[in-house]
Amino acid sequence: MAFYTLVVVLILIACILMVLIVLIQNPKGGGLASGFSASNQVMGVRKTTDFLEKGTWTLAISLLALSLLASMALPRQQQDTGRESLIKEQVNNAVDPTQIPNLPNQKVQEQTKETQKNEKK
């Protein structure tokens, strides 16, 4: 259970980082890098764009892997082999409808149906 919680927390962190990185990028290719325009720095325009793209891909792949890991680490309930399922219990305990006594209301409805049939004849 603790491992599953850890994986879920890591998924949430990866999602938040992914949103932040995607929002930093400019859809036309500039993004954060467009502020540096023509300067030739060590972390210049091209390197910033490459870093953001690699970060996006890394987070996307890690999000996929963490999701698969979470589905495998999902806590499962222990099933007793001697106990039948709830549906089977309901089927076995079901009352036969032919054994249910007729209520007065049902008799009245049946009589009105019979009289209606007789009147049509």
C-alpha atoms as a PDB file:
ATOM      1  CA  MET A   1       0.000   0.000   0.000  1.00  0.00           C
ATOM      2  CA  ALA A   2       2.860   2.378   0.795  1.00  0.00           C
ATOM      3  CA  PHE A   3       4.528   1.578  -2.531  1.00  0.00           C
ATOM      4  CA  TYR A   4       1.311   2.350  -4.409  1.00  0.00           C
ATOM      5  CA  THR A   5       1.003   5.686  -2.590  1.00  0.00           C
ATOM      6  CA  LEU A   6       4.596   6.535  -3.482  1.00  0.00           C
ATOM      7  CA  VAL A   7       3.966   5.775  -7.157  1.00  0.00           C
ATOM      8  CA  VAL A   8       0.812   7.937  -7.161  1.00  0.00           C
ATOM      9  CA  VAL A   9       2.749  10.848  -5.611  1.00  0.00           C
ATOM     10  CA  LEU A  10       5.463  10.474  -8.260  1.00  0.00           C
ATOM     11  CA  ILE A  11       2.782  10.512 -10.977  1.00  0.00           C
ATOM     12  CA  LEU A  12       1.352  13.742  -9.572  1.00  0.00           C
ATOM     13  CA  ILE A  13       4.796  15.373  -9.465  1.00  0.00           C
ATOM     14  CA  ALA A  14       5.500  14.279 -13.052  1.00  0.00           C
ATOM     15  CA  CYS A  15       2.145  15.698 -14.175  1.00  0.00           C
ATOM     16  CA  ILE A  16       2.787  19.067 -12.547  1.00  0.00           C
ATOM     17  CA  LEU A  17       6.277  19.286 -14.044  1.00  0.00           C
ATOM     18  CA  MET A  18       4.911  18.302 -17.454  1.00  0.00           C
ATOM     19  CA  VAL A  19       2.303  21.075 -17.310  1.00  0.00           C
ATOM     20  CA  LEU A  20       4.932  23.627 -16.324  1.00  0.00           C
ATOM     21  CA  ILE A  21       7.334  22.607 -19.093  1.00  0.00           C
ATOM     22  CA  VAL A  22       4.611  22.615 -21.727  1.00  0.00           C
ATOM     23  CA  LEU A  23       3.406  26.046 -20.620  1.00  0.00           C
ATOM     24  CA  ILE A  24       6.945  27.451 -20.805  1.00  0.00           C
ATOM     25  CA  GLN A  25       7.267  26.392 -24.437  1.00  0.00           C
ATOM     26  CA  ASN A  26       6.002  28.621 -27.205  1.00  0.00           C
ATOM     27  CA  PRO A  27       3.913  26.807 -29.808  1.00  0.00           C
ATOM     28  CA  LYS A  28       5.914  28.493 -32.591  1.00  0.00           C
ATOM     29  CA  GLY A  29       9.215  27.156 -31.308  1.00  0.00           C
ATOM     30  CA  GLY A  30      10.371  30.163 -29.288  1.00  0.00           C
ATOM     31  CA  GLY A  31       9.048  29.860 -25.749  1.00  0.00           C
ATOM     32  CA  LEU A  32      11.544  30.558 -23.001  1.00  0.00           C
ATOM     33  CA  ALA A  33      14.301  30.546 -25.583  1.00  0.00           C
ATOM     34  CA  SER A  34      12.834  33.533 -27.456  1.00  0.00           C
ATOM     35  CA  GLY A  35      13.920  35.892 -24.670  1.00  0.00           C
ATOM     36  CA  PHE A  36      17.574  35.229 -25.456  1.00  0.00           C
ATOM     37  CA  SER A  37      17.142  36.172 -29.127  1.00  0.00           C
ATOM     38  CA  ALA A  38      20.569  36.341 -30.842  1.00  0.00           C
ATOM     39  CA  SER A  39      22.916  35.905 -27.909  1.00  0.00           C
ATOM     40  CA  ASN A  40      25.473  33.112 -28.084  1.00  0.00           C
ATOM     41  CA  GLN A  41      25.612  31.821 -24.543  1.00  0.00           C
ATOM     42  CA  VAL A  42      26.539  28.399 -23.271  1.00  0.00           C
ATOM     43  CA  MET A  43      22.847  27.747 -22.588  1.00  0.00           C
ATOM     44  CA  GLY A  44      21.680  29.690 -25.616  1.00  0.00           C
ATOM     45  CA  VAL A  45      18.441  29.643 -27.540  1.00  0.00           C
ATOM     46  CA  ARG A  46      18.940  26.309 -29.232  1.00  0.00           C
ATOM     47  CA  LYS A  47      20.122  24.558 -26.083  1.00  0.00           C
ATOM     48  CA  THR A  48      17.133  25.827 -24.080  1.00  0.00           C
ATOM     49  CA  THR A  49      14.735  24.529 -26.712  1.00  0.00           C
ATOM     50  CA  ASP A  50      16.521  21.176 -26.785  1.00  0.00           C
ATOM     51  CA  PHE A  51      16.433  20.971 -22.986  1.00  0.00           C
ATOM     52  CA  LEU A  52      12.691  21.687 -22.859  1.00  0.00           C
ATOM     53  CA  GLU A  53      11.975  19.153 -25.592  1.00  0.00           C
ATOM     54  CA  LYS A  54      14.063  16.467 -23.909  1.00  0.00           C
ATOM     55  CA  GLY A  55      12.408  17.280 -20.577  1.00  0.00           C
ATOM     56  CA  THR A  56       8.962  16.927 -22.124  1.00  0.00           C
ATOM     57  CA  TRP A  57       9.805  13.558 -23.657  1.00  0.00           C
ATOM     58  CA  THR A  58      11.448  12.332 -20.450  1.00  0.00           C
ATOM     59  CA  LEU A  59       8.447  13.298 -18.351  1.00  0.00           C
ATOM     60  CA  ALA A  60       6.015  11.763 -20.852  1.00  0.00           C
ATOM     61  CA  ILE A  61       7.877   8.447 -20.847  1.00  0.00           C
ATOM     62  CA  SER A  62       8.238   8.462 -17.066  1.00  0.00           C
ATOM     63  CA  LEU A  63       4.519   9.231 -16.711  1.00  0.00           C
ATOM     64  CA  LEU A  64       3.691   6.243 -18.914  1.00  0.00           C
ATOM     65  CA  ALA A  65       6.049   3.959 -16.973  1.00  0.00           C
ATOM     66  CA  LEU A  66       4.740   5.163 -13.597  1.00  0.00           C
ATOM     67  CA  SER A  67       1.148   4.611 -14.727  1.00  0.00           C
ATOM     68  CA  LEU A  68       1.940   1.033 -15.709  1.00  0.00           C
ATOM     69  CA  LEU A  69       3.775   0.507 -12.424  1.00  0.00           C
ATOM     70  CA  ALA A  70       0.805   1.902 -10.486  1.00  0.00           C
ATOM     71  CA  SER A  71      -1.587  -0.470 -12.216  1.00  0.00           C
ATOM     72  CA  MET A  72       0.646  -3.401 -11.272  1.00  0.00           C
ATOM     73  CA  ALA A  73       1.073  -2.171  -7.693  1.00  0.00           C
ATOM     74  CA  LEU A  74      -2.642  -1.523  -7.198  1.00  0.00           C
ATOM     75  CA  PRO A  75      -3.714  -3.139  -3.915  1.00  0.00           C
ATOM     76  CA  ARG A  76      -6.026  -6.074  -4.548  1.00  0.00           C
ATOM     77  CA  GLN A  77      -8.527  -7.631  -2.154  1.00  0.00           C
ATOM     78  CA  GLN A  78      -7.812 -11.127  -0.922  1.00  0.00           C
ATOM     79  CA  GLN A  79     -10.450 -13.579  -2.144  1.00  0.00           C
ATOM     80  CA  ASP A  80     -11.551 -16.484   0.006  1.00  0.00           C
ATOM     81  CA  THR A  81     -11.704 -19.661  -2.037  1.00  0.00           C
ATOM     82  CA  GLY A  82     -14.410 -21.191   0.189  1.00  0.00           C
ATOM     83  CA  ARG A  83     -16.801 -18.264  -0.162  1.00  0.00           C
ATOM     84  CA  GLU A  84     -18.994 -17.846  -3.205  1.00  0.00           C
ATOM     85  CA  SER A  85     -19.470 -14.556  -4.919  1.00  0.00           C
ATOM     86  CA  LEU A  86     -22.238 -12.201  -3.864  1.00  0.00           C
ATOM     87  CA  ILE A  87     -24.163 -12.784  -7.081  1.00  0.00           C
ATOM     88  CA  LYS A  88     -24.080 -16.558  -6.646  1.00  0.00           C
ATOM     89  CA  GLU A  89     -25.342 -16.150  -3.075  1.00  0.00           C
ATOM     90  CA  GLN A  90     -28.225 -13.991  -4.292  1.00  0.00           C
ATOM     91  CA  VAL A  91     -29.131 -16.527  -6.977  1.00  0.00           C
ATOM     92  CA  ASN A  92     -29.055 -19.393  -4.506  1.00  0.00           C
ATOM     93  CA  ASN A  93     -31.161 -17.455  -1.970  1.00  0.00           C
ATOM     94  CA  ALA A  94     -33.667 -16.187  -4.523  1.00  0.00           C
ATOM     95  CA  VAL A  95     -37.328 -16.947  -3.852  1.00  0.00           C
ATOM     96  CA  ASP A  96     -39.249 -18.852  -6.497  1.00  0.00           C
ATOM     97  CA  PRO A  97     -41.909 -16.462  -7.817  1.00  0.00           C
ATOM     98  CA  THR A  98     -44.440 -19.270  -8.100  1.00  0.00           C
ATOM     99  CA  GLN A  99     -44.174 -19.833  -4.360  1.00  0.00           C
ATOM    100  CA  ILE A 100     -45.061 -16.241  -3.448  1.00  0.00           C
ATOM    101  CA  PRO A 101     -48.650 -16.051  -2.172  1.00  0.00           C
ATOM    102  CA  ASN A 102     -51.085 -13.962  -4.197  1.00  0.00           C
ATOM    103  CA  LEU A 103     -51.925 -10.743  -2.488  1.00  0.00           C
ATOM    104  CA  PRO A 104     -55.488  -9.394  -2.553  1.00  0.00           C
ATOM    105  CA  ASN A 105     -54.408  -6.599  -4.846  1.00  0.00           C
ATOM    106  CA  GLN A 106     -53.154  -9.106  -7.399  1.00  0.00           C
ATOM    107  CA  LYS A 107     -56.435 -11.024  -7.261  1.00  0.00           C
ATOM    108  CA  VAL A 108     -58.392  -7.859  -7.939  1.00  0.00           C
ATOM    109  CA  GLN A 109     -56.192  -7.067 -10.925  1.00  0.00           C
ATOM    110  CA  GLU A 110     -56.606 -10.587 -12.281  1.00  0.00           C
ATOM    111  CA  GLN A 111     -60.393 -10.398 -11.871  1.00  0.00           C
ATOM    112  CA  THR A 112     -60.585  -7.074 -13.698  1.00  0.00           C
ATOM    113  CA  LYS A 113     -58.517  -8.499 -16.555  1.00  0.00           C
ATOM    114  CA  GLU A 114     -60.848 -11.511 -16.776  1.00  0.00           C
ATOM    115  CA  THR A 115     -63.938  -9.342 -16.782  1.00  0.00           C
ATOM    116  CA  GLN A 116     -62.460  -7.154 -19.498  1.00  0.00           C
ATOM    117  CA  LYS A 117     -61.755 -10.237 -21.613  1.00  0.00           C
ATOM    118  CA  ASN A 118     -65.308 -11.492 -21.069  1.00  0.00           C
ATOM    119  CA  GLU A 119     -66.779  -8.127 -22.006  1.00  0.00           C
ATOM    120  CA  LYS A 120     -64.850  -8.063 -25.276  1.00  0.00           C
ATOM    121  CA  LYS A 121     -66.287 -11.465 -26.243  1.00  0.00           C
END
